[in-house]
N, C-alpha and C. Protein backbone atom coordinates (compact mmCIF):
# COMPACT_ATOMS: atom_id res chain seq x y z
N MET A 1 93.21 94.46 76.11
CA MET A 1 92.46 95.65 75.75
C MET A 1 93.32 96.88 76.02
N ARG A 2 93.46 97.77 75.03
CA ARG A 2 94.17 99.03 75.23
C ARG A 2 93.16 100.16 75.12
N VAL A 3 93.10 101.01 76.14
CA VAL A 3 92.18 102.13 76.14
C VAL A 3 92.89 103.36 76.67
N LEU A 4 92.32 104.54 76.38
CA LEU A 4 92.78 105.78 76.97
C LEU A 4 92.00 106.03 78.25
N LEU A 5 92.70 106.43 79.30
CA LEU A 5 92.06 106.60 80.59
C LEU A 5 90.87 107.54 80.51
N GLY A 6 91.02 108.62 79.79
CA GLY A 6 89.95 109.61 79.72
C GLY A 6 88.81 109.23 78.80
N GLU A 7 88.97 108.16 78.03
CA GLU A 7 87.94 107.78 77.06
C GLU A 7 87.08 106.61 77.54
N HIS A 8 87.37 106.08 78.71
CA HIS A 8 86.60 104.94 79.20
C HIS A 8 85.54 105.43 80.17
N ASP A 9 84.29 105.08 79.90
CA ASP A 9 83.18 105.59 80.70
C ASP A 9 83.15 105.03 82.11
N ASP A 10 83.59 103.80 82.27
CA ASP A 10 83.48 103.16 83.57
C ASP A 10 84.80 102.48 83.92
N LEU A 11 85.70 103.25 84.49
CA LEU A 11 87.00 102.70 84.86
C LEU A 11 86.84 101.64 85.95
N GLY A 12 85.82 101.81 86.80
CA GLY A 12 85.58 100.82 87.84
C GLY A 12 85.27 99.46 87.26
N GLU A 13 84.52 99.43 86.17
CA GLU A 13 84.22 98.15 85.51
C GLU A 13 85.48 97.56 84.90
N LEU A 14 86.32 98.41 84.35
CA LEU A 14 87.55 97.94 83.71
C LEU A 14 88.48 97.25 84.70
N TYR A 15 88.48 97.75 85.95
CA TYR A 15 89.37 97.21 86.97
C TYR A 15 88.65 96.34 88.00
N ALA A 16 87.39 96.04 87.79
CA ALA A 16 86.63 95.28 88.79
C ALA A 16 87.26 93.92 89.05
N PRO A 17 87.46 93.57 90.33
CA PRO A 17 87.99 92.23 90.64
C PRO A 17 86.93 91.16 90.44
N PRO A 18 87.34 89.93 90.18
CA PRO A 18 86.37 88.84 90.05
C PRO A 18 85.60 88.63 91.35
N ASP A 19 84.43 87.99 91.23
CA ASP A 19 83.60 87.73 92.41
C ASP A 19 84.09 86.47 93.10
N GLN A 20 85.27 86.56 93.69
CA GLN A 20 85.89 85.45 94.41
C GLN A 20 87.02 86.04 95.25
N PRO A 21 87.54 85.31 96.23
CA PRO A 21 88.69 85.82 96.96
C PRO A 21 89.82 86.17 95.99
N TRP A 22 90.38 87.37 96.15
CA TRP A 22 91.29 87.89 95.12
C TRP A 22 92.31 88.81 95.77
N LEU A 23 93.58 88.56 95.51
CA LEU A 23 94.66 89.43 95.99
C LEU A 23 95.35 90.06 94.79
N ARG A 24 95.26 91.38 94.74
CA ARG A 24 95.97 92.12 93.69
C ARG A 24 97.03 92.99 94.34
N VAL A 25 98.11 93.25 93.60
CA VAL A 25 99.19 94.10 94.07
C VAL A 25 99.35 95.25 93.10
N ASN A 26 99.45 96.46 93.61
CA ASN A 26 99.58 97.66 92.79
C ASN A 26 100.94 98.30 93.02
N MET A 27 101.72 98.47 91.93
CA MET A 27 103.07 99.03 92.04
C MET A 27 103.31 100.03 90.89
N VAL A 28 104.24 100.95 91.13
CA VAL A 28 104.59 101.96 90.13
C VAL A 28 106.09 101.93 89.93
N ALA A 29 106.53 102.23 88.69
CA ALA A 29 107.97 102.25 88.39
C ALA A 29 108.22 103.19 87.22
N THR A 30 109.46 103.63 87.09
CA THR A 30 109.87 104.45 85.96
C THR A 30 110.21 103.55 84.76
N ILE A 31 110.47 104.18 83.63
CA ILE A 31 110.85 103.44 82.43
C ILE A 31 112.10 102.59 82.68
N ASP A 32 113.04 103.12 83.48
CA ASP A 32 114.26 102.36 83.72
C ASP A 32 114.17 101.50 84.99
N GLY A 33 112.95 101.26 85.47
CA GLY A 33 112.73 100.23 86.47
C GLY A 33 112.78 100.66 87.91
N ALA A 34 112.92 101.95 88.21
CA ALA A 34 113.00 102.41 89.59
C ALA A 34 111.61 102.44 90.22
N ALA A 35 111.51 101.89 91.43
CA ALA A 35 110.22 101.89 92.14
C ALA A 35 110.07 103.10 93.05
N THR A 36 111.13 103.90 93.17
CA THR A 36 111.10 105.13 93.97
C THR A 36 111.85 106.23 93.25
N GLY A 37 111.62 107.46 93.69
CA GLY A 37 112.36 108.60 93.17
C GLY A 37 113.47 109.01 94.12
N ASP A 38 113.93 110.25 93.97
CA ASP A 38 115.07 110.71 94.75
C ASP A 38 114.81 110.77 96.24
N ASP A 39 113.55 110.90 96.65
CA ASP A 39 113.24 110.98 98.08
C ASP A 39 113.08 109.61 98.72
N GLY A 40 113.27 108.55 97.94
CA GLY A 40 113.17 107.20 98.48
C GLY A 40 111.76 106.68 98.61
N THR A 41 110.77 107.41 98.10
CA THR A 41 109.37 106.97 98.14
C THR A 41 108.81 106.91 96.73
N SER A 42 107.68 106.22 96.60
CA SER A 42 107.01 106.14 95.29
C SER A 42 106.27 107.43 94.96
N ARG A 43 105.99 108.26 95.97
CA ARG A 43 105.25 109.50 95.72
C ARG A 43 105.96 110.40 94.72
N SER A 44 107.29 110.36 94.71
CA SER A 44 108.05 111.26 93.85
C SER A 44 108.06 110.82 92.39
N ILE A 45 107.50 109.65 92.09
CA ILE A 45 107.38 109.25 90.68
C ILE A 45 105.93 109.05 90.26
N ASN A 46 104.99 109.31 91.16
CA ASN A 46 103.57 109.16 90.81
C ASN A 46 103.16 110.18 89.76
N THR A 47 102.15 109.82 88.97
CA THR A 47 101.54 110.73 88.01
C THR A 47 100.04 110.83 88.30
N GLY A 48 99.38 111.77 87.64
CA GLY A 48 97.95 111.92 87.83
C GLY A 48 97.17 110.67 87.46
N ALA A 49 97.57 110.03 86.37
CA ALA A 49 96.89 108.80 85.95
C ALA A 49 97.08 107.70 86.97
N ASP A 50 98.28 107.58 87.49
CA ASP A 50 98.56 106.57 88.52
C ASP A 50 97.71 106.81 89.75
N LYS A 51 97.55 108.08 90.14
CA LYS A 51 96.76 108.41 91.33
C LYS A 51 95.29 108.03 91.14
N ILE A 52 94.76 108.22 89.93
CA ILE A 52 93.37 107.86 89.67
C ILE A 52 93.15 106.37 89.90
N VAL A 53 94.03 105.54 89.33
CA VAL A 53 93.87 104.09 89.47
C VAL A 53 94.22 103.65 90.90
N PHE A 54 95.21 104.27 91.50
CA PHE A 54 95.56 103.99 92.90
C PHE A 54 94.34 104.16 93.80
N ASP A 55 93.65 105.28 93.65
CA ASP A 55 92.46 105.54 94.48
C ASP A 55 91.34 104.56 94.16
N LEU A 56 91.17 104.23 92.88
CA LEU A 56 90.12 103.29 92.48
C LEU A 56 90.36 101.91 93.08
N LEU A 57 91.58 101.42 93.01
CA LEU A 57 91.88 100.09 93.55
C LEU A 57 91.65 100.05 95.06
N ARG A 58 91.98 101.13 95.73
CA ARG A 58 91.70 101.19 97.17
C ARG A 58 90.19 101.16 97.43
N GLU A 59 89.45 101.87 96.62
CA GLU A 59 88.00 101.89 96.81
C GLU A 59 87.40 100.51 96.60
N GLN A 60 87.94 99.74 95.67
CA GLN A 60 87.41 98.41 95.38
C GLN A 60 87.86 97.36 96.39
N ALA A 61 88.84 97.66 97.21
CA ALA A 61 89.40 96.68 98.15
C ALA A 61 88.62 96.65 99.45
N ASP A 62 88.63 95.47 100.08
CA ASP A 62 88.09 95.33 101.44
C ASP A 62 89.15 95.62 102.49
N ALA A 63 90.41 95.39 102.16
CA ALA A 63 91.51 95.63 103.09
C ALA A 63 92.78 95.87 102.29
N ILE A 64 93.72 96.62 102.89
CA ILE A 64 94.99 96.95 102.27
C ILE A 64 96.10 96.20 103.00
N VAL A 65 96.93 95.47 102.25
CA VAL A 65 98.01 94.67 102.83
C VAL A 65 99.34 95.32 102.46
N VAL A 66 100.14 95.70 103.47
CA VAL A 66 101.37 96.43 103.20
C VAL A 66 102.46 95.97 104.16
N GLY A 67 103.70 95.91 103.66
CA GLY A 67 104.83 95.62 104.52
C GLY A 67 105.08 96.76 105.49
N ALA A 68 105.55 96.43 106.70
CA ALA A 68 105.74 97.44 107.73
C ALA A 68 106.74 98.51 107.30
N GLY A 69 107.80 98.11 106.60
CA GLY A 69 108.79 99.08 106.13
C GLY A 69 108.18 100.10 105.19
N THR A 70 107.31 99.65 104.32
CA THR A 70 106.65 100.57 103.39
C THR A 70 105.70 101.51 104.12
N VAL A 71 105.00 101.00 105.13
CA VAL A 71 104.13 101.86 105.93
C VAL A 71 104.95 103.00 106.54
N ARG A 72 106.14 102.69 107.04
CA ARG A 72 106.97 103.71 107.66
C ARG A 72 107.56 104.67 106.63
N ILE A 73 108.13 104.13 105.56
CA ILE A 73 108.80 104.96 104.56
C ILE A 73 107.82 105.88 103.86
N GLU A 74 106.65 105.34 103.50
CA GLU A 74 105.67 106.12 102.75
C GLU A 74 104.78 106.97 103.67
N GLY A 75 104.89 106.78 104.98
CA GLY A 75 104.13 107.59 105.91
C GLY A 75 102.64 107.35 105.86
N TYR A 76 102.23 106.08 105.83
CA TYR A 76 100.81 105.75 105.76
C TYR A 76 100.06 106.34 106.95
N ALA A 77 99.00 107.04 106.66
CA ALA A 77 98.10 107.52 107.71
C ALA A 77 96.99 106.50 107.93
N VAL A 78 96.28 106.64 109.03
CA VAL A 78 95.12 105.79 109.27
C VAL A 78 94.08 106.09 108.20
N GLY A 79 93.62 105.06 107.49
CA GLY A 79 92.69 105.26 106.39
C GLY A 79 91.29 104.76 106.69
N ARG A 80 90.46 104.77 105.64
CA ARG A 80 89.07 104.31 105.78
C ARG A 80 88.95 102.81 105.67
N LYS A 81 89.95 102.16 105.08
CA LYS A 81 89.93 100.70 104.93
C LYS A 81 90.90 100.07 105.93
N PRO A 82 90.57 98.89 106.44
CA PRO A 82 91.49 98.21 107.35
C PRO A 82 92.86 98.01 106.71
N LEU A 83 93.91 98.23 107.49
CA LEU A 83 95.28 98.07 107.03
C LEU A 83 95.89 96.83 107.67
N VAL A 84 96.40 95.94 106.84
CA VAL A 84 97.06 94.73 107.32
C VAL A 84 98.57 94.94 107.16
N VAL A 85 99.27 95.02 108.28
CA VAL A 85 100.70 95.29 108.27
C VAL A 85 101.45 93.97 108.43
N VAL A 86 102.30 93.66 107.47
CA VAL A 86 103.11 92.43 107.51
C VAL A 86 104.48 92.78 108.06
N SER A 87 104.85 92.15 109.17
CA SER A 87 106.09 92.52 109.85
C SER A 87 106.70 91.32 110.55
N ARG A 88 107.98 91.05 110.32
CA ARG A 88 108.67 89.98 111.04
C ARG A 88 108.93 90.38 112.49
N SER A 89 109.08 91.66 112.74
CA SER A 89 109.38 92.11 114.10
C SER A 89 108.13 92.25 114.96
N GLY A 90 106.98 92.46 114.32
CA GLY A 90 105.75 92.69 115.06
C GLY A 90 105.60 94.10 115.58
N SER A 91 106.48 95.00 115.18
CA SER A 91 106.42 96.38 115.64
C SER A 91 105.34 97.15 114.87
N VAL A 92 104.40 97.73 115.59
CA VAL A 92 103.33 98.51 114.97
C VAL A 92 103.88 99.87 114.56
N PRO A 93 103.78 100.26 113.29
CA PRO A 93 104.31 101.56 112.87
C PRO A 93 103.68 102.72 113.65
N PRO A 94 104.44 103.77 113.92
CA PRO A 94 103.94 104.88 114.74
C PRO A 94 102.64 105.49 114.23
N THR A 95 102.48 105.57 112.91
CA THR A 95 101.28 106.20 112.36
C THR A 95 100.03 105.38 112.57
N GLN A 96 100.17 104.11 112.97
CA GLN A 96 99.01 103.22 113.11
C GLN A 96 98.67 102.90 114.57
N ARG A 97 99.40 103.47 115.50
CA ARG A 97 99.22 103.09 116.91
C ARG A 97 97.96 103.68 117.53
N GLU A 98 97.40 104.71 116.93
CA GLU A 98 96.20 105.33 117.48
C GLU A 98 94.95 104.98 116.67
N ALA A 99 95.06 103.99 115.79
CA ALA A 99 93.92 103.61 114.95
C ALA A 99 92.80 103.01 115.80
N GLU A 100 91.57 103.13 115.31
CA GLU A 100 90.44 102.51 116.00
C GLU A 100 90.61 100.99 116.01
N PRO A 101 90.10 100.33 117.04
CA PRO A 101 90.21 98.87 117.13
C PRO A 101 89.67 98.19 115.86
N GLY A 102 90.45 97.27 115.32
CA GLY A 102 90.04 96.54 114.13
C GLY A 102 90.48 97.16 112.83
N MET A 103 90.98 98.41 112.86
CA MET A 103 91.40 99.07 111.63
C MET A 103 92.84 98.73 111.25
N VAL A 104 93.59 98.15 112.17
CA VAL A 104 94.95 97.69 111.87
C VAL A 104 95.07 96.23 112.32
N VAL A 105 95.49 95.38 111.41
CA VAL A 105 95.76 93.97 111.70
C VAL A 105 97.25 93.74 111.49
N MET A 106 97.90 93.11 112.45
CA MET A 106 99.32 92.79 112.33
C MET A 106 99.48 91.33 111.92
N ALA A 107 100.20 91.09 110.84
CA ALA A 107 100.55 89.73 110.40
C ALA A 107 102.02 89.53 110.70
N THR A 108 102.33 88.60 111.59
CA THR A 108 103.71 88.45 112.03
C THR A 108 104.01 86.98 112.33
N VAL A 109 105.10 86.73 113.07
CA VAL A 109 105.55 85.37 113.36
C VAL A 109 105.77 85.20 114.86
N ALA A 110 105.86 83.95 115.29
CA ALA A 110 105.97 83.66 116.73
C ALA A 110 107.25 84.20 117.33
N SER A 111 108.31 84.32 116.53
CA SER A 111 109.60 84.80 117.03
C SER A 111 109.70 86.32 117.04
N ALA A 112 108.66 87.03 116.66
CA ALA A 112 108.70 88.49 116.57
C ALA A 112 109.02 89.11 117.94
N PRO A 113 110.03 89.97 118.01
CA PRO A 113 110.41 90.54 119.31
C PRO A 113 109.36 91.48 119.90
N TYR A 114 108.49 92.04 119.06
CA TYR A 114 107.47 92.99 119.55
C TYR A 114 106.07 92.38 119.54
N LEU A 115 105.99 91.07 119.57
CA LEU A 115 104.70 90.39 119.49
C LEU A 115 103.78 90.80 120.64
N ASP A 116 104.29 90.79 121.85
CA ASP A 116 103.45 91.15 122.99
C ASP A 116 103.00 92.60 122.92
N GLU A 117 103.90 93.47 122.48
CA GLU A 117 103.53 94.88 122.34
C GLU A 117 102.42 95.06 121.32
N ALA A 118 102.52 94.34 120.20
CA ALA A 118 101.49 94.42 119.16
C ALA A 118 100.14 93.97 119.71
N ARG A 119 100.14 92.90 120.47
CA ARG A 119 98.89 92.42 121.06
C ARG A 119 98.31 93.44 122.03
N GLY A 120 99.19 94.10 122.78
CA GLY A 120 98.71 95.12 123.71
C GLY A 120 98.12 96.33 123.00
N LEU A 121 98.71 96.70 121.89
CA LEU A 121 98.24 97.87 121.15
C LEU A 121 96.99 97.59 120.32
N LEU A 122 96.98 96.43 119.67
CA LEU A 122 95.93 96.13 118.69
C LEU A 122 94.87 95.17 119.20
N GLY A 123 95.18 94.40 120.24
CA GLY A 123 94.27 93.35 120.71
C GLY A 123 94.65 92.02 120.11
N ASP A 124 94.49 90.96 120.89
CA ASP A 124 94.89 89.62 120.44
C ASP A 124 94.22 89.23 119.12
N ASP A 125 92.96 89.60 118.94
CA ASP A 125 92.22 89.20 117.74
C ASP A 125 92.78 89.84 116.48
N ASN A 126 93.53 90.92 116.63
CA ASN A 126 94.05 91.65 115.47
C ASN A 126 95.53 91.41 115.24
N VAL A 127 96.08 90.38 115.88
CA VAL A 127 97.47 89.98 115.64
C VAL A 127 97.47 88.54 115.16
N LEU A 128 97.87 88.34 113.92
CA LEU A 128 97.88 87.01 113.31
C LEU A 128 99.30 86.46 113.31
N VAL A 129 99.50 85.36 114.01
CA VAL A 129 100.81 84.70 114.04
C VAL A 129 100.79 83.60 112.98
N LEU A 130 101.62 83.76 111.96
CA LEU A 130 101.49 82.94 110.75
C LEU A 130 102.70 82.05 110.49
N GLY A 131 103.40 81.69 111.54
CA GLY A 131 104.57 80.83 111.41
C GLY A 131 105.54 81.14 112.53
N SER A 132 106.65 80.40 112.57
CA SER A 132 107.63 80.63 113.64
C SER A 132 108.61 81.74 113.28
N HIS A 133 109.18 81.67 112.06
CA HIS A 133 110.15 82.67 111.65
C HIS A 133 109.82 83.30 110.29
N ARG A 134 108.98 82.66 109.50
CA ARG A 134 108.61 83.16 108.17
C ARG A 134 107.10 83.15 108.06
N ALA A 135 106.52 84.28 107.68
CA ALA A 135 105.07 84.40 107.59
C ALA A 135 104.53 83.56 106.44
N ASP A 136 103.51 82.77 106.72
CA ASP A 136 102.80 82.00 105.71
C ASP A 136 101.76 82.92 105.09
N LEU A 137 102.07 83.47 103.92
CA LEU A 137 101.21 84.48 103.31
C LEU A 137 99.95 83.87 102.70
N GLY A 138 99.98 82.58 102.39
CA GLY A 138 98.76 81.91 101.97
C GLY A 138 97.76 81.84 103.11
N ARG A 139 98.24 81.55 104.31
CA ARG A 139 97.38 81.56 105.48
C ARG A 139 96.83 82.96 105.74
N LEU A 140 97.67 83.96 105.53
CA LEU A 140 97.20 85.34 105.71
C LEU A 140 96.03 85.62 104.78
N LYS A 141 96.16 85.26 103.54
CA LYS A 141 95.07 85.50 102.58
C LYS A 141 93.80 84.80 103.05
N ASP A 142 93.92 83.56 103.48
CA ASP A 142 92.75 82.81 103.93
C ASP A 142 92.14 83.42 105.19
N GLU A 143 92.98 83.83 106.14
CA GLU A 143 92.49 84.44 107.37
C GLU A 143 91.72 85.73 107.08
N LEU A 144 92.21 86.51 106.13
CA LEU A 144 91.54 87.75 105.80
C LEU A 144 90.19 87.49 105.13
N VAL A 145 90.12 86.46 104.30
CA VAL A 145 88.84 86.09 103.69
C VAL A 145 87.83 85.71 104.77
N LEU A 146 88.28 84.96 105.79
CA LEU A 146 87.39 84.58 106.88
C LEU A 146 86.86 85.79 107.63
N ARG A 147 87.61 86.89 107.62
CA ARG A 147 87.16 88.12 108.26
C ARG A 147 86.27 88.97 107.35
N GLY A 148 86.01 88.47 106.16
CA GLY A 148 85.16 89.20 105.23
C GLY A 148 85.92 90.05 104.24
N PHE A 149 87.26 89.96 104.24
CA PHE A 149 88.09 90.75 103.33
C PHE A 149 88.39 89.89 102.09
N ARG A 150 87.41 89.75 101.23
CA ARG A 150 87.58 88.91 100.04
C ARG A 150 88.47 89.56 98.99
N HIS A 151 88.34 90.85 98.82
CA HIS A 151 89.13 91.57 97.83
C HIS A 151 90.24 92.32 98.55
N GLN A 152 91.46 91.80 98.40
CA GLN A 152 92.62 92.30 99.12
C GLN A 152 93.56 93.02 98.16
N LEU A 153 94.03 94.19 98.57
CA LEU A 153 94.96 94.99 97.77
C LEU A 153 96.26 95.15 98.52
N SER A 154 97.36 94.74 97.91
CA SER A 154 98.67 95.00 98.50
C SER A 154 99.36 96.11 97.71
N GLU A 155 100.06 96.96 98.44
CA GLU A 155 100.83 98.05 97.82
C GLU A 155 102.32 97.87 98.08
N GLY A 156 102.71 96.60 98.28
CA GLY A 156 104.12 96.31 98.46
C GLY A 156 104.55 96.45 99.90
N GLY A 157 105.80 96.76 100.08
CA GLY A 157 106.79 97.11 99.09
C GLY A 157 107.41 95.94 98.37
N PRO A 158 108.59 96.22 97.75
CA PRO A 158 109.23 95.23 96.89
C PRO A 158 109.53 93.89 97.57
N HIS A 159 109.94 93.91 98.84
CA HIS A 159 110.20 92.63 99.53
C HIS A 159 108.92 91.83 99.69
N LEU A 160 107.84 92.50 100.10
CA LEU A 160 106.58 91.79 100.29
C LEU A 160 106.04 91.27 98.97
N LEU A 161 106.12 92.06 97.90
CA LEU A 161 105.65 91.59 96.59
C LEU A 161 106.42 90.35 96.18
N ARG A 162 107.72 90.36 96.35
CA ARG A 162 108.52 89.19 95.98
C ARG A 162 108.08 87.96 96.76
N ASP A 163 107.84 88.12 98.07
CA ASP A 163 107.44 86.99 98.91
C ASP A 163 106.03 86.51 98.56
N LEU A 164 105.13 87.43 98.28
CA LEU A 164 103.77 87.04 97.88
C LEU A 164 103.80 86.23 96.58
N LEU A 165 104.62 86.66 95.64
CA LEU A 165 104.75 85.92 94.38
C LEU A 165 105.41 84.56 94.62
N ASP A 166 106.43 84.54 95.44
CA ASP A 166 107.16 83.30 95.71
C ASP A 166 106.26 82.25 96.35
N GLN A 167 105.32 82.70 97.19
CA GLN A 167 104.43 81.77 97.88
C GLN A 167 103.14 81.52 97.10
N GLY A 168 103.05 82.05 95.88
CA GLY A 168 101.91 81.75 95.02
C GLY A 168 100.60 82.36 95.47
N VAL A 169 100.66 83.51 96.13
CA VAL A 169 99.46 84.11 96.72
C VAL A 169 98.82 85.15 95.80
N VAL A 170 99.60 85.77 94.91
CA VAL A 170 99.11 86.88 94.09
C VAL A 170 98.24 86.36 92.95
N ASP A 171 97.08 86.99 92.78
CA ASP A 171 96.21 86.69 91.63
C ASP A 171 96.41 87.69 90.50
N GLU A 172 96.72 88.93 90.86
CA GLU A 172 96.77 90.01 89.86
C GLU A 172 97.85 91.01 90.25
N LEU A 173 98.59 91.49 89.26
CA LEU A 173 99.56 92.55 89.46
C LEU A 173 99.15 93.74 88.60
N ASP A 174 98.94 94.89 89.24
CA ASP A 174 98.62 96.12 88.53
C ASP A 174 99.84 97.02 88.56
N THR A 175 100.31 97.42 87.39
CA THR A 175 101.53 98.21 87.31
C THR A 175 101.27 99.52 86.59
N THR A 176 101.97 100.55 87.02
CA THR A 176 102.04 101.82 86.29
C THR A 176 103.49 102.06 85.93
N VAL A 177 103.76 102.27 84.64
CA VAL A 177 105.09 102.67 84.19
C VAL A 177 104.99 104.14 83.80
N VAL A 178 105.72 104.99 84.51
CA VAL A 178 105.63 106.43 84.28
C VAL A 178 106.72 106.86 83.30
N PRO A 179 106.46 107.91 82.50
CA PRO A 179 107.40 108.32 81.46
C PRO A 179 108.56 109.15 82.02
N ARG A 180 109.40 108.48 82.83
CA ARG A 180 110.56 109.15 83.41
C ARG A 180 111.73 108.17 83.48
N LEU A 181 112.94 108.74 83.47
CA LEU A 181 114.17 107.99 83.70
C LEU A 181 114.87 108.63 84.88
N VAL A 182 115.34 107.80 85.84
CA VAL A 182 115.97 108.39 87.03
C VAL A 182 117.37 107.84 87.31
N ALA A 183 117.76 106.74 86.65
CA ALA A 183 119.08 106.12 86.86
C ALA A 183 119.30 105.84 88.35
N GLY A 184 120.54 105.89 88.80
CA GLY A 184 120.81 105.63 90.21
C GLY A 184 120.67 104.16 90.57
N SER A 185 120.55 103.90 91.87
CA SER A 185 120.50 102.52 92.37
C SER A 185 119.18 102.24 93.07
N HIS A 186 118.09 102.79 92.57
CA HIS A 186 116.77 102.59 93.18
C HIS A 186 116.35 101.12 93.07
N ARG A 187 115.55 100.68 94.05
CA ARG A 187 115.02 99.32 94.01
C ARG A 187 113.99 99.17 92.90
N ARG A 188 113.85 97.93 92.43
CA ARG A 188 112.78 97.60 91.49
C ARG A 188 111.52 97.26 92.27
N ILE A 189 110.44 96.90 91.57
CA ILE A 189 109.19 96.62 92.27
C ILE A 189 109.23 95.28 93.00
N THR A 190 110.20 94.42 92.66
CA THR A 190 110.45 93.22 93.45
C THR A 190 111.87 93.26 93.96
N ASP A 191 112.08 92.75 95.17
CA ASP A 191 113.41 92.78 95.78
C ASP A 191 113.58 91.50 96.59
N GLY A 192 114.62 90.73 96.27
CA GLY A 192 114.87 89.48 96.98
C GLY A 192 115.44 88.43 96.06
N PRO A 193 115.52 87.18 96.51
CA PRO A 193 116.06 86.10 95.69
C PRO A 193 115.28 85.95 94.38
N PRO A 194 115.93 85.39 93.35
CA PRO A 194 115.28 85.25 92.05
C PRO A 194 114.03 84.39 92.11
N LEU A 195 113.09 84.72 91.22
CA LEU A 195 111.91 83.88 91.01
C LEU A 195 111.48 84.05 89.56
N ASP A 196 110.57 83.22 89.12
CA ASP A 196 110.11 83.26 87.74
C ASP A 196 108.60 83.06 87.74
N VAL A 197 107.85 84.12 87.53
CA VAL A 197 106.39 84.06 87.60
C VAL A 197 105.81 84.56 86.28
N PRO A 198 105.17 83.70 85.50
CA PRO A 198 104.57 84.13 84.24
C PRO A 198 103.29 84.93 84.47
N LEU A 199 103.09 85.96 83.66
CA LEU A 199 101.93 86.83 83.76
C LEU A 199 101.21 86.91 82.43
N ARG A 200 99.91 87.22 82.49
CA ARG A 200 99.11 87.41 81.28
C ARG A 200 98.50 88.80 81.29
N LEU A 201 98.81 89.59 80.27
CA LEU A 201 98.29 90.95 80.18
C LEU A 201 96.81 90.91 79.83
N THR A 202 95.99 91.59 80.62
CA THR A 202 94.55 91.63 80.34
C THR A 202 94.06 93.02 79.93
N THR A 203 94.71 94.06 80.43
CA THR A 203 94.28 95.42 80.11
C THR A 203 95.48 96.34 80.08
N LEU A 204 95.52 97.26 79.12
CA LEU A 204 96.56 98.28 79.06
C LEU A 204 95.90 99.64 78.85
N VAL A 205 96.15 100.56 79.77
CA VAL A 205 95.56 101.89 79.75
C VAL A 205 96.68 102.91 79.59
N GLU A 206 96.47 103.92 78.74
CA GLU A 206 97.48 104.97 78.55
C GLU A 206 96.88 106.33 78.83
N GLN A 207 97.62 107.15 79.55
CA GLN A 207 97.21 108.53 79.78
C GLN A 207 98.45 109.40 79.96
N ASP A 208 98.64 110.35 79.07
CA ASP A 208 99.77 111.29 79.16
C ASP A 208 101.11 110.57 79.29
N GLY A 209 101.25 109.45 78.61
CA GLY A 209 102.51 108.71 78.62
C GLY A 209 102.62 107.66 79.71
N SER A 210 101.76 107.72 80.72
CA SER A 210 101.76 106.68 81.76
C SER A 210 101.05 105.44 81.21
N LEU A 211 101.67 104.29 81.39
CA LEU A 211 101.09 103.02 80.94
C LEU A 211 100.66 102.22 82.16
N LEU A 212 99.35 101.96 82.25
CA LEU A 212 98.78 101.25 83.40
C LEU A 212 98.26 99.90 82.93
N ALA A 213 98.79 98.84 83.53
CA ALA A 213 98.49 97.49 83.04
C ALA A 213 97.91 96.63 84.15
N ARG A 214 96.99 95.76 83.74
CA ARG A 214 96.49 94.68 84.62
C ARG A 214 97.08 93.38 84.12
N TRP A 215 97.79 92.69 85.00
CA TRP A 215 98.39 91.40 84.67
C TRP A 215 97.78 90.34 85.60
N PHE A 216 97.35 89.23 85.04
CA PHE A 216 96.89 88.11 85.84
C PHE A 216 98.04 87.09 85.94
N VAL A 217 98.22 86.55 87.13
CA VAL A 217 99.28 85.55 87.34
C VAL A 217 98.83 84.22 86.75
N GLU A 218 99.68 83.64 85.92
CA GLU A 218 99.37 82.34 85.31
C GLU A 218 99.61 81.24 86.33
N ARG A 219 98.62 80.37 86.50
CA ARG A 219 98.75 79.26 87.44
C ARG A 219 99.27 78.02 86.73
């Protein structure tokens, strides 16, 4: 389905997740594939249309899943939805250390050097150990569902998206391609060893040159 953002009466219906446990990932990139702008963040390539859908997907989510590096680089503040931080080190980002109990969940591994610190800051119940050296992201998805977080939204970054896809955890990828070219050596929306994941386009939305797509992962 191709629609204009301003011509659809119910954008929430257009992007509504299925009534089942569901993990979607939302990413933005330029025409030439850059996932960040000159400042090293995605904010410098965002558009108004992207912000509308970004806010909508957050509203529809029960929890937000983000890599620790992205939390730091993008300067995530404490939000209204629980934030699940995926980190091999177990280090809680500075912006999340004063969050109310239960609003930050750390997903990490047994070998994490800051595991004890994370437990002290967040509480044992909010630190999920999902393997010895590599996080089992399928277990993470299941653990979050058990906590009542059926609709999960990940905002990357590129390393986490690649790992989520590699482990077969992603149900949906939402992308915004903005009408800009930036060249340079910016990262793409996936970063890491090669993989091959087929997708099926379900919705394409256009507004002021921004192309916003819903892709379902083919099983």
